[in-house]
Amino acid sequence: MAWEKQKRGLYVEVRDNNITKAWRKFKRLVQDEGVLNIYKEKQFYEKPSDKRRKERAMAKARWKKKQRELENKFYNVQSDKKK
């Protein structure tokens, strides 16, 4: 009983010898948990200052993308009203 309550990590049951379905389920589970991203981040050491610089650059890129989308949306609305 006690061993059932322990956390086991990621696992998928194979039912009816359908390994492809289990493999797809496992890949989705790994992606949802972010296991590969964590592995990729921890593969090499990154200085904290480099992490902050990278995060700031990503935030800036997201902000610029959002501004472009808003601009395009605004101009598309304006051009539709003129017609």
PDB file of N, CA and C in Angstrom:
ATOM      1  N   MET A   1       0.803  -1.197   0.000  1.00  0.00           N
ATOM      2  CA  MET A   1       0.000   0.000   0.000  1.00  0.00           C
ATOM      3  C   MET A   1       0.852   1.270   0.000  1.00  0.00           C
ATOM      4  N   ALA A   2       1.905   1.283   0.794  1.00  0.00           N
ATOM      5  CA  ALA A   2       2.717   2.489   0.916  1.00  0.00           C
ATOM      6  C   ALA A   2       3.408   2.817  -0.397  1.00  0.00           C
ATOM      7  N   TRP A   3       3.789   1.784  -1.142  1.00  0.00           N
ATOM      8  CA  TRP A   3       4.493   2.043  -2.396  1.00  0.00           C
ATOM      9  C   TRP A   3       3.575   2.652  -3.443  1.00  0.00           C
ATOM     10  N   GLU A   4       2.271   2.465  -3.316  1.00  0.00           N
ATOM     11  CA  GLU A   4       1.334   3.051  -4.269  1.00  0.00           C
ATOM     12  C   GLU A   4       1.221   4.558  -4.098  1.00  0.00           C
ATOM     13  N   LYS A   5       1.436   5.043  -2.890  1.00  0.00           N
ATOM     14  CA  LYS A   5       1.269   6.463  -2.620  1.00  0.00           C
ATOM     15  C   LYS A   5       2.493   7.284  -3.002  1.00  0.00           C
ATOM     16  N   GLN A   6       3.625   6.614  -3.253  1.00  0.00           N
ATOM     17  CA  GLN A   6       4.824   7.339  -3.629  1.00  0.00           C
ATOM     18  C   GLN A   6       4.663   7.925  -5.026  1.00  0.00           C
ATOM     19  N   LYS A   7       5.252   9.081  -5.221  1.00  0.00           N
ATOM     20  CA  LYS A   7       5.212   9.697  -6.534  1.00  0.00           C
ATOM     21  C   LYS A   7       6.180   8.965  -7.449  1.00  0.00           C
ATOM     22  N   ARG A   8       5.720   8.592  -8.640  1.00  0.00           N
ATOM     23  CA  ARG A   8       6.527   7.758  -9.520  1.00  0.00           C
ATOM     24  C   ARG A   8       7.177   8.518 -10.669  1.00  0.00           C
ATOM     25  N   GLY A   9       6.795   9.695 -10.934  1.00  0.00           N
ATOM     26  CA  GLY A   9       7.325  10.375 -12.105  1.00  0.00           C
ATOM     27  C   GLY A   9       6.396  10.181 -13.286  1.00  0.00           C
ATOM     28  N   LEU A  10       6.888  10.381 -14.492  1.00  0.00           N
ATOM     29  CA  LEU A  10       6.052  10.270 -15.680  1.00  0.00           C
ATOM     30  C   LEU A  10       5.959   8.818 -16.134  1.00  0.00           C
ATOM     31  N   TYR A  11       4.754   8.369 -16.364  1.00  0.00           N
ATOM     32  CA  TYR A  11       4.572   7.024 -16.892  1.00  0.00           C
ATOM     33  C   TYR A  11       3.275   6.965 -17.687  1.00  0.00           C
ATOM     34  N   VAL A  12       3.217   6.027 -18.599  1.00  0.00           N
ATOM     35  CA  VAL A  12       2.043   5.818 -19.432  1.00  0.00           C
ATOM     36  C   VAL A  12       1.807   4.320 -19.523  1.00  0.00           C
ATOM     37  N   GLU A  13       0.566   3.923 -19.374  1.00  0.00           N
ATOM     38  CA  GLU A  13       0.231   2.506 -19.515  1.00  0.00           C
ATOM     39  C   GLU A  13       0.017   2.172 -20.982  1.00  0.00           C
ATOM     40  N   VAL A  14       0.537   1.022 -21.393  1.00  0.00           N
ATOM     41  CA  VAL A  14       0.321   0.536 -22.758  1.00  0.00           C
ATOM     42  C   VAL A  14      -0.868  -0.403 -22.708  1.00  0.00           C
ATOM     43  N   ARG A  15      -1.911  -0.060 -23.418  1.00  0.00           N
ATOM     44  CA  ARG A  15      -3.114  -0.886 -23.432  1.00  0.00           C
ATOM     45  C   ARG A  15      -3.280  -1.540 -24.790  1.00  0.00           C
ATOM     46  N   ASP A  16      -3.664  -2.793 -24.783  1.00  0.00           N
ATOM     47  CA  ASP A  16      -3.922  -3.565 -26.004  1.00  0.00           C
ATOM     48  C   ASP A  16      -2.715  -3.565 -26.946  1.00  0.00           C
ATOM     49  N   ASN A  17      -1.523  -3.553 -26.404  1.00  0.00           N
ATOM     50  CA  ASN A  17      -0.284  -3.545 -27.201  1.00  0.00           C
ATOM     51  C   ASN A  17      -0.228  -2.402 -28.210  1.00  0.00           C
ATOM     52  N   ASN A  18      -0.906  -1.312 -27.909  1.00  0.00           N
ATOM     53  CA  ASN A  18      -0.902  -0.145 -28.794  1.00  0.00           C
ATOM     54  C   ASN A  18       0.218   0.793 -28.348  1.00  0.00           C
ATOM     55  N   ILE A  19       1.412   0.510 -28.819  1.00  0.00           N
ATOM     56  CA  ILE A  19       2.591   1.271 -28.387  1.00  0.00           C
ATOM     57  C   ILE A  19       2.613   2.665 -28.991  1.00  0.00           C
ATOM     58  N   THR A  20       2.059   2.838 -30.185  1.00  0.00           N
ATOM     59  CA  THR A  20       2.090   4.161 -30.818  1.00  0.00           C
ATOM     60  C   THR A  20       1.222   5.157 -30.055  1.00  0.00           C
ATOM     61  N   LYS A  21       0.066   4.705 -29.590  1.00  0.00           N
ATOM     62  CA  LYS A  21      -0.805   5.595 -28.829  1.00  0.00           C
ATOM     63  C   LYS A  21      -0.146   5.970 -27.502  1.00  0.00           C
ATOM     64  N   ALA A  22       0.488   4.979 -26.863  1.00  0.00           N
ATOM     65  CA  ALA A  22       1.183   5.242 -25.601  1.00  0.00           C
ATOM     66  C   ALA A  22       2.350   6.202 -25.823  1.00  0.00           C
ATOM     67  N   TRP A  23       3.060   6.037 -26.938  1.00  0.00           N
ATOM     68  CA  TRP A  23       4.193   6.921 -27.251  1.00  0.00           C
ATOM     69  C   TRP A  23       3.723   8.352 -27.457  1.00  0.00           C
ATOM     70  N   ARG A  24       2.605   8.524 -28.186  1.00  0.00           N
ATOM     71  CA  ARG A  24       2.065   9.878 -28.398  1.00  0.00           C
ATOM     72  C   ARG A  24       1.632  10.503 -27.076  1.00  0.00           C
ATOM     73  N   LYS A  25       0.998   9.701 -26.222  1.00  0.00           N
ATOM     74  CA  LYS A  25       0.559  10.181 -24.922  1.00  0.00           C
ATOM     75  C   LYS A  25       1.758  10.605 -24.076  1.00  0.00           C
ATOM     76  N   PHE A  26       2.823   9.789 -24.122  1.00  0.00           N
ATOM     77  CA  PHE A  26       4.029  10.087 -23.355  1.00  0.00           C
ATOM     78  C   PHE A  26       4.689  11.369 -23.847  1.00  0.00           C
ATOM     79  N   LYS A  27       4.769  11.543 -25.166  1.00  0.00           N
ATOM     80  CA  LYS A  27       5.375  12.762 -25.713  1.00  0.00           C
ATOM     81  C   LYS A  27       4.596  13.998 -25.281  1.00  0.00           C
ATOM     82  N   ARG A  28       3.270  13.909 -25.308  1.00  0.00           N
ATOM     83  CA  ARG A  28       2.436  15.038 -24.891  1.00  0.00           C
ATOM     84  C   ARG A  28       2.639  15.318 -23.404  1.00  0.00           C
ATOM     85  N   LEU A  29       2.726  14.264 -22.600  1.00  0.00           N
ATOM     86  CA  LEU A  29       2.938  14.408 -21.165  1.00  0.00           C
ATOM     87  C   LEU A  29       4.274  15.076 -20.876  1.00  0.00           C
ATOM     88  N   VAL A  30       5.320  14.656 -21.564  1.00  0.00           N
ATOM     89  CA  VAL A  30       6.648  15.243 -21.390  1.00  0.00           C
ATOM     90  C   VAL A  30       6.635  16.714 -21.800  1.00  0.00           C
ATOM     91  N   GLN A  31       5.941  17.028 -22.885  1.00  0.00           N
ATOM     92  CA  GLN A  31       5.884  18.414 -23.349  1.00  0.00           C
ATOM     93  C   GLN A  31       5.102  19.283 -22.362  1.00  0.00           C
ATOM     94  N   ASP A  32       3.983  18.763 -21.854  1.00  0.00           N
ATOM     95  CA  ASP A  32       3.187  19.533 -20.904  1.00  0.00           C
ATOM     96  C   ASP A  32       3.931  19.787 -19.601  1.00  0.00           C
ATOM     97  N   GLU A  33       4.724  18.821 -19.164  1.00  0.00           N
ATOM     98  CA  GLU A  33       5.490  18.970 -17.932  1.00  0.00           C
ATOM     99  C   GLU A  33       6.709  19.867 -18.126  1.00  0.00           C
ATOM    100  N   GLY A  34       7.143  20.058 -19.361  1.00  0.00           N
ATOM    101  CA  GLY A  34       8.294  20.911 -19.632  1.00  0.00           C
ATOM    102  C   GLY A  34       9.625  20.238 -19.332  1.00  0.00           C
ATOM    103  N   VAL A  35       9.658  18.935 -19.381  1.00  0.00           N
ATOM    104  CA  VAL A  35      10.866  18.187 -19.046  1.00  0.00           C
ATOM    105  C   VAL A  35      12.003  18.520 -20.012  1.00  0.00           C
ATOM    106  N   LEU A  36      11.700  18.568 -21.289  1.00  0.00           N
ATOM    107  CA  LEU A  36      12.756  18.843 -22.270  1.00  0.00           C
ATOM    108  C   LEU A  36      13.294  20.259 -22.134  1.00  0.00           C
ATOM    109  N   ASN A  37      12.408  21.216 -21.833  1.00  0.00           N
ATOM    110  CA  ASN A  37      12.878  22.592 -21.643  1.00  0.00           C
ATOM    111  C   ASN A  37      13.805  22.693 -20.442  1.00  0.00           C
ATOM    112  N   ILE A  38      13.447  22.012 -19.363  1.00  0.00           N
ATOM    113  CA  ILE A  38      14.295  22.022 -18.171  1.00  0.00           C
ATOM    114  C   ILE A  38      15.636  21.382 -18.486  1.00  0.00           C
ATOM    115  N   TYR A  39      15.603  20.277 -19.208  1.00  0.00           N
ATOM    116  CA  TYR A  39      16.855  19.598 -19.577  1.00  0.00           C
ATOM    117  C   TYR A  39      17.732  20.515 -20.423  1.00  0.00           C
ATOM    118  N   LYS A  40      17.110  21.181 -21.385  1.00  0.00           N
ATOM    119  CA  LYS A  40      17.873  22.058 -22.272  1.00  0.00           C
ATOM    120  C   LYS A  40      18.483  23.228 -21.493  1.00  0.00           C
ATOM    121  N   GLU A  41      17.725  23.777 -20.537  1.00  0.00           N
ATOM    122  CA  GLU A  41      18.240  24.887 -19.739  1.00  0.00           C
ATOM    123  C   GLU A  41      19.396  24.461 -18.854  1.00  0.00           C
ATOM    124  N   LYS A  42      19.326  23.277 -18.310  1.00  0.00           N
ATOM    125  CA  LYS A  42      20.342  22.830 -17.356  1.00  0.00           C
ATOM    126  C   LYS A  42      21.501  22.095 -18.013  1.00  0.00           C
ATOM    127  N   GLN A  43      21.482  21.962 -19.320  1.00  0.00           N
ATOM    128  CA  GLN A  43      22.547  21.249 -20.005  1.00  0.00           C
ATOM    129  C   GLN A  43      23.877  21.999 -19.885  1.00  0.00           C
ATOM    130  N   PHE A  44      23.826  23.327 -19.946  1.00  0.00           N
ATOM    131  CA  PHE A  44      25.015  24.156 -19.811  1.00  0.00           C
ATOM    132  C   PHE A  44      24.744  25.239 -18.784  1.00  0.00           C
ATOM    133  N   TYR A  45      25.794  25.670 -18.111  1.00  0.00           N
ATOM    134  CA  TYR A  45      25.646  26.738 -17.131  1.00  0.00           C
ATOM    135  C   TYR A  45      25.465  28.067 -17.855  1.00  0.00           C
ATOM    136  N   GLU A  46      24.528  28.847 -17.350  1.00  0.00           N
ATOM    137  CA  GLU A  46      24.310  30.183 -17.901  1.00  0.00           C
ATOM    138  C   GLU A  46      24.376  31.182 -16.753  1.00  0.00           C
ATOM    139  N   LYS A  47      25.190  32.198 -16.933  1.00  0.00           N
ATOM    140  CA  LYS A  47      25.342  33.186 -15.877  1.00  0.00           C
ATOM    141  C   LYS A  47      24.016  33.894 -15.623  1.00  0.00           C
ATOM    142  N   PRO A  48      23.746  34.274 -14.381  1.00  0.00           N
ATOM    143  CA  PRO A  48      22.496  34.958 -14.074  1.00  0.00           C
ATOM    144  C   PRO A  48      22.303  36.244 -14.878  1.00  0.00           C
ATOM    145  N   SER A  49      23.392  36.965 -15.123  1.00  0.00           N
ATOM    146  CA  SER A  49      23.267  38.199 -15.906  1.00  0.00           C
ATOM    147  C   SER A  49      22.864  37.882 -17.346  1.00  0.00           C
ATOM    148  N   ASP A  50      23.375  36.779 -17.889  1.00  0.00           N
ATOM    149  CA  ASP A  50      22.989  36.378 -19.242  1.00  0.00           C
ATOM    150  C   ASP A  50      21.527  35.951 -19.287  1.00  0.00           C
ATOM    151  N   LYS A  51      21.071  35.275 -18.223  1.00  0.00           N
ATOM    152  CA  LYS A  51      19.664  34.876 -18.155  1.00  0.00           C
ATOM    153  C   LYS A  51      18.758  36.105 -18.170  1.00  0.00           C
ATOM    154  N   ARG A  52      19.125  37.101 -17.347  1.00  0.00           N
ATOM    155  CA  ARG A  52      18.315  38.322 -17.291  1.00  0.00           C
ATOM    156  C   ARG A  52      18.311  39.032 -18.636  1.00  0.00           C
ATOM    157  N   ARG A  53      19.461  39.108 -19.282  1.00  0.00           N
ATOM    158  CA  ARG A  53      19.554  39.761 -20.591  1.00  0.00           C
ATOM    159  C   ARG A  53      18.683  39.044 -21.612  1.00  0.00           C
ATOM    160  N   LYS A  54      18.726  37.725 -21.575  1.00  0.00           N
ATOM    161  CA  LYS A  54      17.933  36.920 -22.499  1.00  0.00           C
ATOM    162  C   LYS A  54      16.434  37.114 -22.246  1.00  0.00           C
ATOM    163  N   GLU A  55      16.030  37.118 -20.961  1.00  0.00           N
ATOM    164  CA  GLU A  55      14.622  37.314 -20.621  1.00  0.00           C
ATOM    165  C   GLU A  55      14.142  38.693 -21.055  1.00  0.00           C
ATOM    166  N   ARG A  56      14.972  39.716 -20.842  1.00  0.00           N
ATOM    167  CA  ARG A  56      14.598  41.069 -21.267  1.00  0.00           C
ATOM    168  C   ARG A  56      14.438  41.144 -22.776  1.00  0.00           C
ATOM    169  N   ALA A  57      15.345  40.511 -23.508  1.00  0.00           N
ATOM    170  CA  ALA A  57      15.260  40.524 -24.970  1.00  0.00           C
ATOM    171  C   ALA A  57      13.989  39.809 -25.433  1.00  0.00           C
ATOM    172  N   MET A  58      13.652  38.695 -24.797  1.00  0.00           N
ATOM    173  CA  MET A  58      12.435  37.983 -25.170  1.00  0.00           C
ATOM    174  C   MET A  58      11.193  38.804 -24.861  1.00  0.00           C
ATOM    175  N   ALA A  59      11.191  39.491 -23.727  1.00  0.00           N
ATOM    176  CA  ALA A  59      10.051  40.333 -23.364  1.00  0.00           C
ATOM    177  C   ALA A  59       9.904  41.485 -24.361  1.00  0.00           C
ATOM    178  N   LYS A  60      11.016  42.048 -24.753  1.00  0.00           N
ATOM    179  CA  LYS A  60      10.996  43.143 -25.724  1.00  0.00           C
ATOM    180  C   LYS A  60      10.448  42.663 -27.069  1.00  0.00           C
ATOM    181  N   ALA A  61      10.861  41.458 -27.482  1.00  0.00           N
ATOM    182  CA  ALA A  61      10.374  40.896 -28.745  1.00  0.00           C
ATOM    183  C   ALA A  61       8.870  40.634 -28.676  1.00  0.00           C
ATOM    184  N   ARG A  62       8.402  40.120 -27.533  1.00  0.00           N
ATOM    185  CA  ARG A  62       6.960  39.888 -27.366  1.00  0.00           C
ATOM    186  C   ARG A  62       6.190  41.197 -27.443  1.00  0.00           C
ATOM    187  N   TRP A  63       6.732  42.241 -26.793  1.00  0.00           N
ATOM    188  CA  TRP A  63       6.067  43.532 -26.791  1.00  0.00           C
ATOM    189  C   TRP A  63       5.993  44.113 -28.204  1.00  0.00           C
ATOM    190  N   LYS A  64       7.109  44.017 -28.953  1.00  0.00           N
ATOM    191  CA  LYS A  64       7.126  44.518 -30.333  1.00  0.00           C
ATOM    192  C   LYS A  64       6.130  43.766 -31.204  1.00  0.00           C
ATOM    193  N   LYS A  65       6.039  42.458 -31.027  1.00  0.00           N
ATOM    194  CA  LYS A  65       5.092  41.651 -31.798  1.00  0.00           C
ATOM    195  C   LYS A  65       3.662  42.080 -31.483  1.00  0.00           C
ATOM    196  N   LYS A  66       3.379  42.299 -30.211  1.00  0.00           N
ATOM    197  CA  LYS A  66       2.040  42.732 -29.799  1.00  0.00           C
ATOM    198  C   LYS A  66       1.709  44.088 -30.411  1.00  0.00           C
ATOM    199  N   GLN A  67       2.681  44.988 -30.430  1.00  0.00           N
ATOM    200  CA  GLN A  67       2.464  46.318 -31.020  1.00  0.00           C
ATOM    201  C   GLN A  67       2.186  46.205 -32.509  1.00  0.00           C
ATOM    202  N   ARG A  68       2.936  45.352 -33.221  1.00  0.00           N
ATOM    203  CA  ARG A  68       2.704  45.156 -34.659  1.00  0.00           C
ATOM    204  C   ARG A  68       1.303  44.619 -34.905  1.00  0.00           C
ATOM    205  N   GLU A  69       0.882  43.648 -34.079  1.00  0.00           N
ATOM    206  CA  GLU A  69      -0.457  43.074 -34.246  1.00  0.00           C
ATOM    207  C   GLU A  69      -1.532  44.129 -34.023  1.00  0.00           C
ATOM    208  N   LEU A  70      -1.350  44.950 -33.000  1.00  0.00           N
ATOM    209  CA  LEU A  70      -2.331  45.997 -32.724  1.00  0.00           C
ATOM    210  C   LEU A  70      -2.373  47.024 -33.858  1.00  0.00           C
ATOM    211  N   GLU A  71      -1.177  47.372 -34.371  1.00  0.00           N
ATOM    212  CA  GLU A  71      -1.110  48.310 -35.490  1.00  0.00           C
ATOM    213  C   GLU A  71      -1.843  47.762 -36.702  1.00  0.00           C
ATOM    214  N   ASN A  72      -1.563  46.510 -37.046  1.00  0.00           N
ATOM    215  CA  ASN A  72      -2.218  45.894 -38.201  1.00  0.00           C
ATOM    216  C   ASN A  72      -3.720  45.820 -38.007  1.00  0.00           C
ATOM    217  N   LYS A  73      -4.140  45.493 -36.815  1.00  0.00           N
ATOM    218  CA  LYS A  73      -5.575  45.409 -36.514  1.00  0.00           C
ATOM    219  C   LYS A  73      -6.211  46.792 -36.661  1.00  0.00           C
ATOM    220  N   PHE A  74      -5.529  47.813 -36.156  1.00  0.00           N
ATOM    221  CA  PHE A  74      -6.054  49.172 -36.227  1.00  0.00           C
ATOM    222  C   PHE A  74      -6.156  49.637 -37.677  1.00  0.00           C
ATOM    223  N   TYR A  75      -5.108  49.416 -38.469  1.00  0.00           N
ATOM    224  CA  TYR A  75      -5.127  49.860 -39.854  1.00  0.00           C
ATOM    225  C   TYR A  75      -6.136  49.085 -40.679  1.00  0.00           C
ATOM    226  N   ASN A  76      -6.323  47.803 -40.391  1.00  0.00           N
ATOM    227  CA  ASN A  76      -7.323  47.014 -41.115  1.00  0.00           C
ATOM    228  C   ASN A  76      -8.726  47.507 -40.811  1.00  0.00           C
ATOM    229  N   VAL A  77      -8.987  47.904 -39.584  1.00  0.00           N
ATOM    230  CA  VAL A  77     -10.292  48.439 -39.216  1.00  0.00           C
ATOM    231  C   VAL A  77     -10.521  49.765 -39.916  1.00  0.00           C
ATOM    232  N   GLN A  78      -9.509  50.614 -39.965  1.00  0.00           N
ATOM    233  CA  GLN A  78      -9.616  51.922 -40.610  1.00  0.00           C
ATOM    234  C   GLN A  78      -9.900  51.769 -42.093  1.00  0.00           C
ATOM    235  N   SER A  79      -9.195  50.861 -42.753  1.00  0.00           N
ATOM    236  CA  SER A  79      -9.390  50.690 -44.192  1.00  0.00           C
ATOM    237  C   SER A  79     -10.751  50.091 -44.495  1.00  0.00           C
ATOM    238  N   ASP A  80     -11.304  49.272 -43.601  1.00  0.00           N
ATOM    239  CA  ASP A  80     -12.625  48.702 -43.804  1.00  0.00           C
ATOM    240  C   ASP A  80     -13.711  49.777 -43.693  1.00  0.00           C
ATOM    241  N   LYS A  81     -13.509  50.746 -42.816  1.00  0.00           N
ATOM    242  CA  LYS A  81     -14.507  51.798 -42.628  1.00  0.00           C
ATOM    243  C   LYS A  81     -14.555  52.739 -43.826  1.00  0.00           C
ATOM    244  N   LYS A  82     -13.426  52.927 -44.521  1.00  0.00           N
ATOM    245  CA  LYS A  82     -13.382  53.827 -45.665  1.00  0.00           C
ATOM    246  C   LYS A  82     -14.144  53.262 -46.838  1.00  0.00           C
ATOM    247  N   LYS A  83     -14.252  51.945 -46.935  1.00  0.00           N
ATOM    248  CA  LYS A  83     -14.901  51.304 -48.078  1.00  0.00           C
ATOM    249  C   LYS A  83     -16.374  51.354 -48.004  1.00  0.00           C
TER     250      LYS A  83
END
